[in-house]
Amino acid sequence: MNQLRIRNLAGLFAAAFAFGWAGAGLWDSLGTLPAVPLLAPVVLALIAAVLLATALSLRARLRAQRTWGHRPAEGWGSREGARPVEPLVAARAVVFGQASALVSSLVAGLYGGFGLFLLLERMEVPNRREQALYAGLSVVAGVAVCAAALYLERVCKLPDGNGDDDHRDRRGPMGSPI
């Protein structure tokens, strides 16, 4: 599974931003612009909250799996009552986070371009100020989804197997020692 890169997300955002701004201008020249739905930022914020909750839950479970003070030669144990993280659960969470980040960067870019068009061209229309606000909130919520997805990916990342003693007490989502 490939790691998300911020530059890829930023590139998707920029391309969608340009497309949204140009598309809004074209649509406005042909007729009335569509409205930005109120639920757009709400749904993106909910997705960001789910990703963050998943990341925090997995992080707590991974930390609980570790036993402090054991050397690799003695074996790895876990705290009593710690529920192990299954590899498939961690992999599904990361895939959900990556897909959410990619889609939200596209959606945030489209709403960002649309919102910029509204700010520059249509601020005299009263309900367009409200639409520009919804578009701006959608951009902020889309960035929150990307940040939560990157954090989830970092939590579930398997450590490098380079044998450093600095990482001897860490475990990956698969429960294997370094």
C-alpha atoms as a PDB file:
ATOM      1  CA  MET A   1       0.000   0.000   0.000  1.00  0.00           C
ATOM      2  CA  ASN A   2       1.467   3.339  -1.010  1.00  0.00           C
ATOM      3  CA  GLN A   3       1.702   6.170   1.452  1.00  0.00           C
ATOM      4  CA  LEU A   4      -0.298   9.354   0.885  1.00  0.00           C
ATOM      5  CA  ARG A   5       1.812  12.297  -0.131  1.00  0.00           C
ATOM      6  CA  ILE A   6       0.863  15.837   0.736  1.00  0.00           C
ATOM      7  CA  ARG A   7       2.042  17.075  -2.652  1.00  0.00           C
ATOM      8  CA  ASN A   8      -0.353  14.668  -4.401  1.00  0.00           C
ATOM      9  CA  LEU A   9      -3.239  15.900  -2.279  1.00  0.00           C
ATOM     10  CA  ALA A  10      -2.216  19.512  -2.925  1.00  0.00           C
ATOM     11  CA  GLY A  11      -1.989  18.821  -6.668  1.00  0.00           C
ATOM     12  CA  LEU A  12      -5.468  17.310  -6.706  1.00  0.00           C
ATOM     13  CA  PHE A  13      -6.748  20.280  -4.725  1.00  0.00           C
ATOM     14  CA  ALA A  14      -5.132  22.789  -7.108  1.00  0.00           C
ATOM     15  CA  ALA A  15      -6.452  21.061 -10.244  1.00  0.00           C
ATOM     16  CA  ALA A  16      -9.954  20.803  -8.793  1.00  0.00           C
ATOM     17  CA  PHE A  17      -9.731  24.424  -7.613  1.00  0.00           C
ATOM     18  CA  ALA A  18      -8.950  25.645 -11.127  1.00  0.00           C
ATOM     19  CA  PHE A  19     -11.680  23.449 -12.588  1.00  0.00           C
ATOM     20  CA  GLY A  20     -14.213  24.671 -10.002  1.00  0.00           C
ATOM     21  CA  TRP A  21     -13.393  28.318 -10.617  1.00  0.00           C
ATOM     22  CA  ALA A  22     -13.512  27.958 -14.418  1.00  0.00           C
ATOM     23  CA  GLY A  23     -16.627  25.778 -14.259  1.00  0.00           C
ATOM     24  CA  ALA A  24     -18.431  28.309 -12.078  1.00  0.00           C
ATOM     25  CA  GLY A  25     -17.601  31.070 -14.550  1.00  0.00           C
ATOM     26  CA  LEU A  26     -18.859  28.997 -17.468  1.00  0.00           C
ATOM     27  CA  TRP A  27     -21.995  27.954 -15.618  1.00  0.00           C
ATOM     28  CA  ASP A  28     -22.689  31.569 -14.625  1.00  0.00           C
ATOM     29  CA  SER A  29     -22.407  32.696 -18.248  1.00  0.00           C
ATOM     30  CA  LEU A  30     -24.948  30.055 -19.282  1.00  0.00           C
ATOM     31  CA  GLY A  31     -27.466  30.655 -16.507  1.00  0.00           C
ATOM     32  CA  THR A  32     -27.909  30.552 -12.759  1.00  0.00           C
ATOM     33  CA  LEU A  33     -25.216  29.060 -10.547  1.00  0.00           C
ATOM     34  CA  PRO A  34     -26.216  26.066  -8.431  1.00  0.00           C
ATOM     35  CA  ALA A  35     -26.277  26.428  -4.667  1.00  0.00           C
ATOM     36  CA  VAL A  36     -23.620  25.006  -2.364  1.00  0.00           C
ATOM     37  CA  PRO A  37     -25.433  22.529  -0.109  1.00  0.00           C
ATOM     38  CA  LEU A  38     -25.395  23.194   3.625  1.00  0.00           C
ATOM     39  CA  LEU A  39     -24.630  19.529   4.247  1.00  0.00           C
ATOM     40  CA  ALA A  40     -21.345  19.600   2.290  1.00  0.00           C
ATOM     41  CA  PRO A  41     -19.196  20.906   5.174  1.00  0.00           C
ATOM     42  CA  VAL A  42     -21.218  18.880   7.686  1.00  0.00           C
ATOM     43  CA  VAL A  43     -20.582  15.577   5.899  1.00  0.00           C
ATOM     44  CA  LEU A  44     -16.888  16.344   5.450  1.00  0.00           C
ATOM     45  CA  ALA A  45     -16.582  17.263   9.132  1.00  0.00           C
ATOM     46  CA  LEU A  46     -18.290  13.993  10.111  1.00  0.00           C
ATOM     47  CA  ILE A  47     -15.856  12.013   7.974  1.00  0.00           C
ATOM     48  CA  ALA A  48     -12.948  13.860   9.586  1.00  0.00           C
ATOM     49  CA  ALA A  49     -14.352  13.048  13.037  1.00  0.00           C
ATOM     50  CA  VAL A  50     -14.721   9.354  12.162  1.00  0.00           C
ATOM     51  CA  LEU A  51     -11.158   9.198  10.842  1.00  0.00           C
ATOM     52  CA  LEU A  52      -9.784  10.949  13.914  1.00  0.00           C
ATOM     53  CA  ALA A  53     -11.743   8.695  16.285  1.00  0.00           C
ATOM     54  CA  THR A  54     -10.501   5.621  14.424  1.00  0.00           C
ATOM     55  CA  ALA A  55      -6.914   6.843  14.599  1.00  0.00           C
ATOM     56  CA  LEU A  56      -7.125   7.590  18.316  1.00  0.00           C
ATOM     57  CA  SER A  57      -8.754   4.226  19.022  1.00  0.00           C
ATOM     58  CA  LEU A  58      -6.150   2.294  17.050  1.00  0.00           C
ATOM     59  CA  ARG A  59      -3.346   4.281  18.649  1.00  0.00           C
ATOM     60  CA  ALA A  60      -4.630   3.482  22.135  1.00  0.00           C
ATOM     61  CA  ARG A  61      -5.006  -0.202  21.292  1.00  0.00           C
ATOM     62  CA  LEU A  62      -1.508  -0.373  19.808  1.00  0.00           C
ATOM     63  CA  ARG A  63      -0.025   1.324  22.876  1.00  0.00           C
ATOM     64  CA  ALA A  64      -1.900  -1.045  25.180  1.00  0.00           C
ATOM     65  CA  GLN A  65      -0.473  -4.039  23.329  1.00  0.00           C
ATOM     66  CA  ARG A  66       3.059  -3.154  24.302  1.00  0.00           C
ATOM     67  CA  THR A  67       4.759  -4.212  27.482  1.00  0.00           C
ATOM     68  CA  TRP A  68       7.290  -1.701  28.636  1.00  0.00           C
ATOM     69  CA  GLY A  69      10.756  -2.783  29.650  1.00  0.00           C
ATOM     70  CA  HIS A  70      10.957  -6.054  27.704  1.00  0.00           C
ATOM     71  CA  ARG A  71      13.869  -6.694  25.463  1.00  0.00           C
ATOM     72  CA  PRO A  72      13.269  -8.421  22.111  1.00  0.00           C
ATOM     73  CA  ALA A  73      15.231 -11.468  23.307  1.00  0.00           C
ATOM     74  CA  GLU A  74      12.721 -11.956  26.112  1.00  0.00           C
ATOM     75  CA  GLY A  75       9.753 -11.720  23.770  1.00  0.00           C
ATOM     76  CA  TRP A  76       6.957  -9.253  23.472  1.00  0.00           C
ATOM     77  CA  GLY A  77       3.937  -9.274  25.692  1.00  0.00           C
ATOM     78  CA  SER A  78       0.897  -7.123  26.085  1.00  0.00           C
ATOM     79  CA  ARG A  79      -0.864  -5.410  28.923  1.00  0.00           C
ATOM     80  CA  GLU A  80      -3.645  -7.424  30.418  1.00  0.00           C
ATOM     81  CA  GLY A  81      -6.987  -6.776  28.782  1.00  0.00           C
ATOM     82  CA  ALA A  82      -5.484  -5.209  25.680  1.00  0.00           C
ATOM     83  CA  ARG A  83      -7.399  -6.139  22.578  1.00  0.00           C
ATOM     84  CA  PRO A  84      -4.956  -6.816  19.758  1.00  0.00           C
ATOM     85  CA  VAL A  85      -5.280  -4.917  16.501  1.00  0.00           C
ATOM     86  CA  GLU A  86      -5.883  -7.276  13.621  1.00  0.00           C
ATOM     87  CA  PRO A  87      -3.862  -6.479  10.493  1.00  0.00           C
ATOM     88  CA  LEU A  88      -6.928  -6.439   8.256  1.00  0.00           C
ATOM     89  CA  VAL A  89      -8.682  -3.912  10.492  1.00  0.00           C
ATOM     90  CA  ALA A  90      -5.689  -1.588  10.356  1.00  0.00           C
ATOM     91  CA  ALA A  91      -5.363  -2.030   6.587  1.00  0.00           C
ATOM     92  CA  ARG A  92      -9.055  -1.269   6.024  1.00  0.00           C
ATOM     93  CA  ALA A  93      -8.821   1.818   8.198  1.00  0.00           C
ATOM     94  CA  VAL A  94      -5.841   3.091   6.213  1.00  0.00           C
ATOM     95  CA  VAL A  95      -7.565   2.422   2.876  1.00  0.00           C
ATOM     96  CA  PHE A  96     -10.679   4.253   4.105  1.00  0.00           C
ATOM     97  CA  GLY A  97      -8.499   7.162   5.204  1.00  0.00           C
ATOM     98  CA  GLN A  98      -6.620   7.321   1.913  1.00  0.00           C
ATOM     99  CA  ALA A  99      -9.796   7.197  -0.163  1.00  0.00           C
ATOM    100  CA  SER A 100     -11.403   9.849   2.024  1.00  0.00           C
ATOM    101  CA  ALA A 101      -8.367  12.122   1.714  1.00  0.00           C
ATOM    102  CA  LEU A 102      -8.249  11.836  -2.067  1.00  0.00           C
ATOM    103  CA  VAL A 103     -11.964  12.502  -2.511  1.00  0.00           C
ATOM    104  CA  SER A 104     -12.035  15.311   0.030  1.00  0.00           C
ATOM    105  CA  SER A 105      -9.090  17.065  -1.627  1.00  0.00           C
ATOM    106  CA  LEU A 106     -11.024  17.003  -4.901  1.00  0.00           C
ATOM    107  CA  VAL A 107     -14.259  18.186  -3.269  1.00  0.00           C
ATOM    108  CA  ALA A 108     -12.493  20.882  -1.266  1.00  0.00           C
ATOM    109  CA  GLY A 109     -10.762  22.115  -4.422  1.00  0.00           C
ATOM    110  CA  LEU A 110     -14.037  22.302  -6.346  1.00  0.00           C
ATOM    111  CA  TYR A 111     -15.780  24.162  -3.543  1.00  0.00           C
ATOM    112  CA  GLY A 112     -12.750  26.404  -3.107  1.00  0.00           C
ATOM    113  CA  GLY A 113     -12.802  27.427  -6.760  1.00  0.00           C
ATOM    114  CA  PHE A 114     -16.552  27.907  -6.657  1.00  0.00           C
ATOM    115  CA  GLY A 115     -16.276  29.965  -3.463  1.00  0.00           C
ATOM    116  CA  LEU A 116     -13.534  32.148  -4.959  1.00  0.00           C
ATOM    117  CA  PHE A 117     -15.703  32.816  -7.994  1.00  0.00           C
ATOM    118  CA  LEU A 118     -18.577  33.816  -5.725  1.00  0.00           C
ATOM    119  CA  LEU A 119     -16.303  36.120  -3.704  1.00  0.00           C
ATOM    120  CA  LEU A 120     -14.887  37.837  -6.778  1.00  0.00           C
ATOM    121  CA  GLU A 121     -17.924  38.014  -9.025  1.00  0.00           C
ATOM    122  CA  ARG A 122     -21.197  37.599  -7.171  1.00  0.00           C
ATOM    123  CA  MET A 123     -20.935  39.156  -3.712  1.00  0.00           C
ATOM    124  CA  GLU A 124     -23.669  41.694  -4.487  1.00  0.00           C
ATOM    125  CA  VAL A 125     -26.278  38.926  -4.512  1.00  0.00           C
ATOM    126  CA  PRO A 126     -27.348  38.370  -0.863  1.00  0.00           C
ATOM    127  CA  ASN A 127     -27.678  34.596  -0.860  1.00  0.00           C
ATOM    128  CA  ARG A 128     -24.298  34.207  -2.595  1.00  0.00           C
ATOM    129  CA  ARG A 129     -22.502  35.428   0.528  1.00  0.00           C
ATOM    130  CA  GLU A 130     -24.052  32.513   2.350  1.00  0.00           C
ATOM    131  CA  GLN A 131     -23.019  30.160  -0.469  1.00  0.00           C
ATOM    132  CA  ALA A 132     -19.442  31.459  -0.333  1.00  0.00           C
ATOM    133  CA  LEU A 133     -19.416  30.793   3.421  1.00  0.00           C
ATOM    134  CA  TYR A 134     -20.611  27.201   2.890  1.00  0.00           C
ATOM    135  CA  ALA A 135     -17.943  26.713   0.225  1.00  0.00           C
ATOM    136  CA  GLY A 136     -15.251  28.058   2.557  1.00  0.00           C
ATOM    137  CA  LEU A 137     -16.407  25.791   5.379  1.00  0.00           C
ATOM    138  CA  SER A 138     -16.295  22.861   2.953  1.00  0.00           C
ATOM    139  CA  VAL A 139     -12.672  23.663   2.148  1.00  0.00           C
ATOM    140  CA  VAL A 140     -11.784  23.782   5.847  1.00  0.00           C
ATOM    141  CA  ALA A 141     -13.595  20.491   6.510  1.00  0.00           C
ATOM    142  CA  GLY A 142     -11.879  18.893   3.486  1.00  0.00           C
ATOM    143  CA  VAL A 143      -8.483  19.910   4.848  1.00  0.00           C
ATOM    144  CA  ALA A 144      -9.503  18.402   8.204  1.00  0.00           C
ATOM    145  CA  VAL A 145     -10.324  15.109   6.462  1.00  0.00           C
ATOM    146  CA  CYS A 146      -6.901  15.077   4.808  1.00  0.00           C
ATOM    147  CA  ALA A 147      -5.159  15.833   8.103  1.00  0.00           C
ATOM    148  CA  ALA A 148      -7.083  13.108   9.940  1.00  0.00           C
ATOM    149  CA  ALA A 149      -6.336  10.598   7.161  1.00  0.00           C
ATOM    150  CA  LEU A 150      -2.624  11.400   7.274  1.00  0.00           C
ATOM    151  CA  TYR A 151      -2.650  10.980  11.054  1.00  0.00           C
ATOM    152  CA  LEU A 152      -4.477   7.646  10.775  1.00  0.00           C
ATOM    153  CA  GLU A 153      -1.926   6.469   8.240  1.00  0.00           C
ATOM    154  CA  ARG A 154       0.899   7.500  10.567  1.00  0.00           C
ATOM    155  CA  VAL A 155      -0.671   5.621  13.482  1.00  0.00           C
ATOM    156  CA  CYS A 156      -1.029   2.435  11.433  1.00  0.00           C
ATOM    157  CA  LYS A 157       2.377   2.623   9.788  1.00  0.00           C
ATOM    158  CA  LEU A 158       4.622  -0.316  10.426  1.00  0.00           C
ATOM    159  CA  PRO A 159       7.996   0.758  11.759  1.00  0.00           C
ATOM    160  CA  ASP A 160      11.081   0.251   9.630  1.00  0.00           C
ATOM    161  CA  GLY A 161      12.849  -3.018  10.311  1.00  0.00           C
ATOM    162  CA  ASN A 162      16.321  -1.514  10.541  1.00  0.00           C
ATOM    163  CA  GLY A 163      17.094  -2.985  13.972  1.00  0.00           C
ATOM    164  CA  ASP A 164      17.689   0.295  15.813  1.00  0.00           C
ATOM    165  CA  ASP A 165      17.606  -0.023  19.584  1.00  0.00           C
ATOM    166  CA  ASP A 166      15.653   3.252  19.784  1.00  0.00           C
ATOM    167  CA  HIS A 167      12.553   1.480  18.457  1.00  0.00           C
ATOM    168  CA  ARG A 168      12.728  -1.763  20.381  1.00  0.00           C
ATOM    169  CA  ASP A 169       9.511  -1.132  22.338  1.00  0.00           C
ATOM    170  CA  ARG A 170       7.379  -0.248  19.313  1.00  0.00           C
ATOM    171  CA  ARG A 171       4.986  -2.530  17.525  1.00  0.00           C
ATOM    172  CA  GLY A 172       3.197  -2.160  14.243  1.00  0.00           C
ATOM    173  CA  PRO A 173      -0.498  -2.749  13.607  1.00  0.00           C
ATOM    174  CA  MET A 174       0.248  -6.354  12.746  1.00  0.00           C
ATOM    175  CA  GLY A 175       1.589  -6.908  16.250  1.00  0.00           C
ATOM    176  CA  SER A 176       5.020  -7.960  15.059  1.00  0.00           C
ATOM    177  CA  PRO A 177       8.130  -6.691  16.805  1.00  0.00           C
ATOM    178  CA  ILE A 178      10.666  -4.658  14.906  1.00  0.00           C
END
